[in-house]
């Protein structure tokens, strides 16, 4: 009779096993994840306490996100007149 050999587990499989084990423990304990939003009474309540940032700050952080389409710009000016 031969004995069963312990085959080495690859790093990716080891990570998957550890992640599955962690998920199952969290599900069993019913503990919320960090920054998880859970509904209360069937509704999700969110408090928005942030302040809007200025247009200049917005453009410096996110770059210029305006879509420049001449047809839409012309239509907008026609509606205003």
Protein backbone atom coordinates (compact mmCIF):
# COMPACT_ATOMS: atom_id res chain seq x y z
CA UNK A 1 0.00 0.00 0.00
CA UNK A 2 1.17 3.49 -0.74
CA UNK A 3 0.63 6.40 1.57
CA UNK A 4 -1.18 9.49 0.43
CA UNK A 5 1.19 12.30 -0.29
CA UNK A 6 0.44 15.82 0.75
CA UNK A 7 0.52 17.90 -2.41
CA UNK A 8 1.59 21.52 -2.06
CA UNK A 9 -1.13 24.10 -2.58
CA UNK A 10 -0.42 26.99 -4.91
CA UNK A 11 -0.51 30.55 -3.55
CA UNK A 12 -3.69 31.38 -5.47
CA UNK A 13 -5.52 28.34 -4.12
CA UNK A 14 -4.30 29.09 -0.61
CA UNK A 15 -5.66 32.64 -0.94
CA UNK A 16 -9.01 31.34 -2.21
CA UNK A 17 -9.30 28.91 0.71
CA UNK A 18 -8.46 31.62 3.24
CA UNK A 19 -10.94 34.06 1.65
CA UNK A 20 -13.70 31.44 1.65
CA UNK A 21 -12.97 30.60 5.27
CA UNK A 22 -13.09 34.29 6.24
CA UNK A 23 -16.38 34.84 4.36
CA UNK A 24 -17.96 31.82 6.01
CA UNK A 25 -16.88 32.98 9.48
CA UNK A 26 -18.28 36.48 8.86
CA UNK A 27 -21.54 35.05 7.54
CA UNK A 28 -21.84 32.73 10.54
CA UNK A 29 -21.18 35.54 13.01
CA UNK A 30 -23.47 37.94 11.07
CA UNK A 31 -21.05 40.80 11.65
CA UNK A 32 -21.19 43.72 9.22
CA UNK A 33 -18.14 44.49 7.13
CA UNK A 34 -16.37 47.80 7.56
CA UNK A 35 -18.19 50.60 5.69
CA UNK A 36 -21.08 48.24 4.89
CA UNK A 37 -24.49 49.88 4.64
CA UNK A 38 -27.32 47.75 6.01
CA UNK A 39 -31.02 48.46 5.66
CA UNK A 40 -33.12 49.15 8.76
CA UNK A 41 -36.82 48.59 8.44
CA UNK A 42 -36.43 47.83 4.74
CA UNK A 43 -34.88 51.23 3.99
CA UNK A 44 -31.29 52.34 3.58
CA UNK A 45 -30.72 55.55 5.46
CA UNK A 46 -27.75 57.65 4.41
CA UNK A 47 -26.63 60.95 5.89
CA UNK A 48 -24.81 63.18 3.44
CA UNK A 49 -22.75 65.64 5.42
CA UNK A 50 -20.21 66.58 2.77
CA UNK A 51 -19.84 70.02 1.29
CA UNK A 52 -19.67 70.58 -2.48
CA UNK A 53 -16.27 71.46 -3.82
CA UNK A 54 -15.62 74.41 -6.10
CA UNK A 55 -15.48 74.03 -9.87
CA UNK A 56 -11.73 74.82 -9.93
CA UNK A 57 -10.97 72.24 -7.25
CA UNK A 58 -13.16 69.71 -9.05
CA UNK A 59 -11.31 70.23 -12.34
CA UNK A 60 -7.91 69.99 -10.64
CA UNK A 61 -8.84 66.71 -8.95
CA UNK A 62 -10.88 65.00 -11.67
CA UNK A 63 -9.58 66.90 -14.74
CA UNK A 64 -11.97 68.47 -17.17
CA UNK A 65 -14.92 66.14 -17.45
CA UNK A 66 -17.14 68.31 -19.63
CA UNK A 67 -18.15 66.75 -22.93
CA UNK A 68 -17.78 69.29 -25.68
CA UNK A 69 -20.23 68.39 -28.47
CA UNK A 70 -20.94 71.34 -30.78
CA UNK A 71 -24.42 70.11 -31.72
CA UNK A 72 -25.54 70.04 -28.09
CA UNK A 73 -23.97 73.43 -27.39
CA UNK A 74 -25.87 74.95 -30.35
CA UNK A 75 -29.13 73.34 -29.23
CA UNK A 76 -28.67 74.75 -25.74
CA UNK A 77 -28.15 78.26 -27.05
CA UNK A 78 -31.21 77.97 -29.29
CA UNK A 79 -33.37 76.98 -26.32
CA UNK A 80 -32.19 79.90 -24.22
CA UNK A 81 -32.88 82.52 -26.93
